[in-house]
C-alpha cells in the first residue's frame, strides 16, 4: 500500500492529470468540534516528509489527511479513518 506522501508525489509529477480536480479530505478541529474539509491539491505548495504546506502557509500533517480523491475516485484512504 502506498503512503499518502507517495500518492501526492505521483500526482504532482503525473503528466496525465491536472491537479485541480484532486482534493484532500482533511480532519479539522475548531472549538472542540471535529469536521472534514476538502482542500484542492492545486493549493499544495510543498510536499514534505511530515505533511504538506498549502498556499496560505498552513502546514497540514499527514495524520490529518483522511482521503485523496480525483472526482469520484478514491486514490488513497487512511486506514485509521
N, C-alpha and C. Protein backbone atom coordinates (compact mmCIF):
# COMPACT_ATOMS: atom_id res chain seq x y z
N UNK A 1 0.84 -1.19 0.00
CA UNK A 1 0.00 0.00 0.00
C UNK A 1 0.88 1.25 0.00
N UNK A 2 0.51 2.21 -0.77
CA UNK A 2 1.25 3.48 -0.86
C UNK A 2 0.91 4.38 0.31
N UNK A 3 1.86 5.22 0.68
CA UNK A 3 1.59 6.24 1.69
C UNK A 3 0.93 7.43 1.01
N UNK A 4 0.32 8.29 1.81
CA UNK A 4 -0.30 9.49 1.25
C UNK A 4 0.76 10.36 0.58
N UNK A 5 1.95 10.43 1.15
CA UNK A 5 3.02 11.22 0.54
C UNK A 5 3.40 10.67 -0.84
N UNK A 6 3.49 9.35 -0.97
CA UNK A 6 3.82 8.75 -2.26
C UNK A 6 2.74 9.07 -3.30
N UNK A 7 1.47 9.00 -2.89
CA UNK A 7 0.36 9.30 -3.81
C UNK A 7 0.44 10.77 -4.25
N UNK A 8 0.67 11.68 -3.32
CA UNK A 8 0.74 13.11 -3.65
C UNK A 8 1.91 13.41 -4.57
N UNK A 9 3.06 12.78 -4.32
CA UNK A 9 4.21 13.00 -5.20
C UNK A 9 3.94 12.46 -6.60
N UNK A 10 3.28 11.31 -6.70
CA UNK A 10 2.91 10.79 -8.03
C UNK A 10 2.00 11.76 -8.75
N UNK A 11 1.02 12.30 -8.03
CA UNK A 11 0.09 13.26 -8.64
C UNK A 11 0.82 14.52 -9.09
N UNK A 12 1.76 14.97 -8.30
CA UNK A 12 2.50 16.20 -8.63
C UNK A 12 3.24 16.05 -9.95
N UNK A 13 3.79 14.87 -10.19
CA UNK A 13 4.64 14.67 -11.37
C UNK A 13 3.95 13.88 -12.48
N UNK A 14 2.67 13.55 -12.32
CA UNK A 14 1.93 12.78 -13.32
C UNK A 14 1.60 13.67 -14.52
N UNK A 15 2.14 13.36 -15.70
CA UNK A 15 1.88 14.21 -16.87
C UNK A 15 0.45 14.08 -17.41
N UNK A 16 -0.31 13.09 -16.96
CA UNK A 16 -1.66 12.85 -17.50
C UNK A 16 -2.72 13.74 -16.88
N UNK A 17 -2.56 14.08 -15.60
CA UNK A 17 -3.69 14.73 -14.95
C UNK A 17 -3.36 16.08 -14.37
N UNK A 18 -4.33 16.97 -14.46
CA UNK A 18 -4.19 18.26 -13.81
C UNK A 18 -4.55 18.14 -12.35
N UNK A 19 -3.78 18.73 -11.47
CA UNK A 19 -4.05 18.60 -10.05
C UNK A 19 -5.31 19.32 -9.58
N UNK A 20 -5.90 20.18 -10.41
CA UNK A 20 -7.08 20.93 -9.99
C UNK A 20 -8.28 20.09 -9.64
N UNK A 21 -8.38 18.88 -10.16
CA UNK A 21 -9.53 18.04 -9.88
C UNK A 21 -9.32 17.14 -8.67
N UNK A 22 -8.14 17.17 -8.09
CA UNK A 22 -7.82 16.32 -6.95
C UNK A 22 -8.04 17.10 -5.66
N UNK A 23 -8.67 16.46 -4.68
CA UNK A 23 -8.88 17.09 -3.37
C UNK A 23 -8.37 16.19 -2.27
N UNK A 24 -7.93 16.82 -1.19
CA UNK A 24 -7.53 16.14 0.02
C UNK A 24 -8.64 16.36 1.04
N UNK A 25 -9.17 15.29 1.59
CA UNK A 25 -10.13 15.39 2.68
C UNK A 25 -9.31 15.40 3.96
N UNK A 26 -9.45 16.48 4.75
CA UNK A 26 -8.59 16.70 5.91
C UNK A 26 -9.43 16.86 7.17
N UNK A 27 -9.01 16.20 8.24
CA UNK A 27 -9.66 16.31 9.54
C UNK A 27 -9.24 17.64 10.18
N UNK A 28 -10.26 18.46 10.58
CA UNK A 28 -10.01 19.79 11.16
C UNK A 28 -10.76 19.88 12.48
N UNK A 29 -10.11 20.47 13.48
CA UNK A 29 -10.77 20.70 14.78
C UNK A 29 -10.88 22.19 15.04
N UNK A 30 -12.12 22.60 15.35
CA UNK A 30 -12.37 24.01 15.71
C UNK A 30 -13.37 24.05 16.84
N UNK A 31 -13.02 24.74 17.91
CA UNK A 31 -13.95 24.89 19.02
C UNK A 31 -14.40 23.58 19.62
N UNK A 32 -13.53 22.59 19.65
CA UNK A 32 -13.86 21.29 20.23
C UNK A 32 -14.65 20.37 19.31
N UNK A 33 -14.92 20.84 18.09
CA UNK A 33 -15.67 20.04 17.13
C UNK A 33 -14.76 19.62 15.98
N UNK A 34 -14.84 18.36 15.62
CA UNK A 34 -14.04 17.87 14.50
C UNK A 34 -14.90 17.73 13.26
N UNK A 35 -14.35 18.17 12.14
CA UNK A 35 -15.07 18.04 10.87
C UNK A 35 -14.07 17.68 9.78
N UNK A 36 -14.59 17.37 8.60
CA UNK A 36 -13.75 17.07 7.44
C UNK A 36 -13.92 18.21 6.43
N UNK A 37 -12.78 18.78 6.01
CA UNK A 37 -12.79 19.82 4.99
C UNK A 37 -12.03 19.31 3.77
N UNK A 38 -12.40 19.81 2.62
CA UNK A 38 -11.69 19.44 1.40
C UNK A 38 -10.78 20.57 0.97
N UNK A 39 -9.55 20.21 0.63
CA UNK A 39 -8.54 21.17 0.18
C UNK A 39 -8.13 20.76 -1.23
N UNK A 40 -8.15 21.69 -2.16
CA UNK A 40 -7.73 21.37 -3.52
C UNK A 40 -6.23 21.10 -3.56
N UNK A 41 -5.87 20.03 -4.26
CA UNK A 41 -4.46 19.68 -4.40
C UNK A 41 -3.68 20.80 -5.06
N UNK A 42 -4.34 21.58 -5.91
CA UNK A 42 -3.68 22.70 -6.59
C UNK A 42 -3.14 23.72 -5.60
N UNK A 43 -3.68 23.76 -4.37
CA UNK A 43 -3.20 24.73 -3.38
C UNK A 43 -2.00 24.22 -2.58
N UNK A 44 -1.61 22.96 -2.80
CA UNK A 44 -0.44 22.41 -2.10
C UNK A 44 0.82 22.96 -2.76
N UNK A 45 1.66 23.63 -1.95
CA UNK A 45 2.89 24.22 -2.49
C UNK A 45 4.12 23.39 -2.16
N UNK A 46 4.06 22.60 -1.07
CA UNK A 46 5.19 21.75 -0.70
C UNK A 46 4.68 20.42 -0.18
N UNK A 47 5.35 19.35 -0.62
CA UNK A 47 5.09 18.01 -0.10
C UNK A 47 6.34 17.65 0.70
N UNK A 48 6.19 17.63 2.01
CA UNK A 48 7.32 17.45 2.92
C UNK A 48 7.26 16.08 3.60
N UNK A 49 8.32 15.66 4.29
CA UNK A 49 8.30 14.36 4.96
C UNK A 49 7.17 14.18 5.98
N UNK A 50 6.78 15.25 6.68
CA UNK A 50 5.77 15.12 7.72
C UNK A 50 4.39 15.63 7.37
N UNK A 51 4.25 16.25 6.19
CA UNK A 51 2.95 16.80 5.81
C UNK A 51 3.10 17.71 4.61
N UNK A 52 2.06 18.49 4.34
CA UNK A 52 2.08 19.39 3.20
C UNK A 52 1.88 20.83 3.68
N UNK A 53 2.39 21.76 2.90
CA UNK A 53 2.14 23.18 3.13
C UNK A 53 1.25 23.66 2.00
N UNK A 54 0.19 24.40 2.36
CA UNK A 54 -0.72 24.93 1.35
C UNK A 54 -0.43 26.40 1.12
N UNK A 55 -1.05 26.96 0.10
CA UNK A 55 -0.74 28.31 -0.38
C UNK A 55 -0.84 29.39 0.70
N UNK A 56 -1.73 29.24 1.66
CA UNK A 56 -1.86 30.27 2.71
C UNK A 56 -0.83 30.11 3.82
N UNK A 57 0.10 29.13 3.66
CA UNK A 57 1.16 28.92 4.64
C UNK A 57 0.83 27.89 5.71
N UNK A 58 -0.38 27.35 5.69
CA UNK A 58 -0.79 26.35 6.67
C UNK A 58 -0.06 25.04 6.43
N UNK A 59 0.45 24.44 7.51
CA UNK A 59 1.07 23.12 7.43
C UNK A 59 0.03 22.10 7.87
N UNK A 60 -0.19 21.09 7.03
CA UNK A 60 -1.14 20.02 7.33
C UNK A 60 -0.38 18.71 7.48
N UNK A 61 -0.28 18.18 8.70
CA UNK A 61 0.41 16.90 8.88
C UNK A 61 -0.38 15.77 8.23
N UNK A 62 0.34 14.76 7.76
CA UNK A 62 -0.30 13.66 7.06
C UNK A 62 -1.33 12.92 7.90
N UNK A 63 -1.17 12.89 9.22
CA UNK A 63 -2.14 12.16 10.04
C UNK A 63 -3.52 12.83 10.02
N UNK A 64 -3.61 14.05 9.53
CA UNK A 64 -4.91 14.72 9.40
C UNK A 64 -5.61 14.41 8.07
N UNK A 65 -4.88 13.86 7.10
CA UNK A 65 -5.46 13.56 5.80
C UNK A 65 -6.25 12.26 5.90
N UNK A 66 -7.52 12.32 5.55
CA UNK A 66 -8.41 11.17 5.62
C UNK A 66 -8.48 10.46 4.27
N UNK A 67 -8.47 11.23 3.18
CA UNK A 67 -8.57 10.63 1.85
C UNK A 67 -8.04 11.60 0.80
N UNK A 68 -7.67 11.03 -0.35
CA UNK A 68 -7.29 11.81 -1.53
C UNK A 68 -8.20 11.31 -2.64
N UNK A 69 -8.92 12.24 -3.30
CA UNK A 69 -9.88 11.87 -4.34
C UNK A 69 -9.65 12.67 -5.61
N UNK A 70 -9.92 12.01 -6.73
CA UNK A 70 -9.96 12.68 -8.03
C UNK A 70 -11.36 12.44 -8.56
N UNK A 71 -12.18 13.48 -8.55
CA UNK A 71 -13.58 13.31 -8.91
C UNK A 71 -14.22 12.33 -7.92
N UNK A 72 -14.86 11.29 -8.42
CA UNK A 72 -15.47 10.28 -7.56
C UNK A 72 -14.54 9.14 -7.20
N UNK A 73 -13.33 9.16 -7.72
CA UNK A 73 -12.38 8.06 -7.49
C UNK A 73 -11.52 8.33 -6.25
N UNK A 74 -11.52 7.38 -5.33
CA UNK A 74 -10.67 7.49 -4.15
C UNK A 74 -9.29 6.95 -4.51
N UNK A 75 -8.28 7.82 -4.45
CA UNK A 75 -6.92 7.43 -4.79
C UNK A 75 -6.16 6.89 -3.58
N UNK A 76 -6.54 7.37 -2.40
CA UNK A 76 -5.93 6.93 -1.15
C UNK A 76 -6.91 7.19 -0.02
N UNK A 77 -6.95 6.27 0.93
CA UNK A 77 -7.80 6.45 2.12
C UNK A 77 -7.00 6.02 3.34
N UNK A 78 -7.13 6.79 4.42
CA UNK A 78 -6.46 6.46 5.66
C UNK A 78 -7.00 5.15 6.22
N UNK A 79 -6.12 4.33 6.72
CA UNK A 79 -6.55 3.07 7.33
C UNK A 79 -7.15 3.30 8.70
N UNK A 80 -6.94 4.47 9.29
CA UNK A 80 -7.49 4.75 10.62
C UNK A 80 -8.74 5.61 10.58
N UNK A 81 -9.16 6.03 9.39
CA UNK A 81 -10.32 6.92 9.36
C UNK A 81 -11.21 6.59 8.28
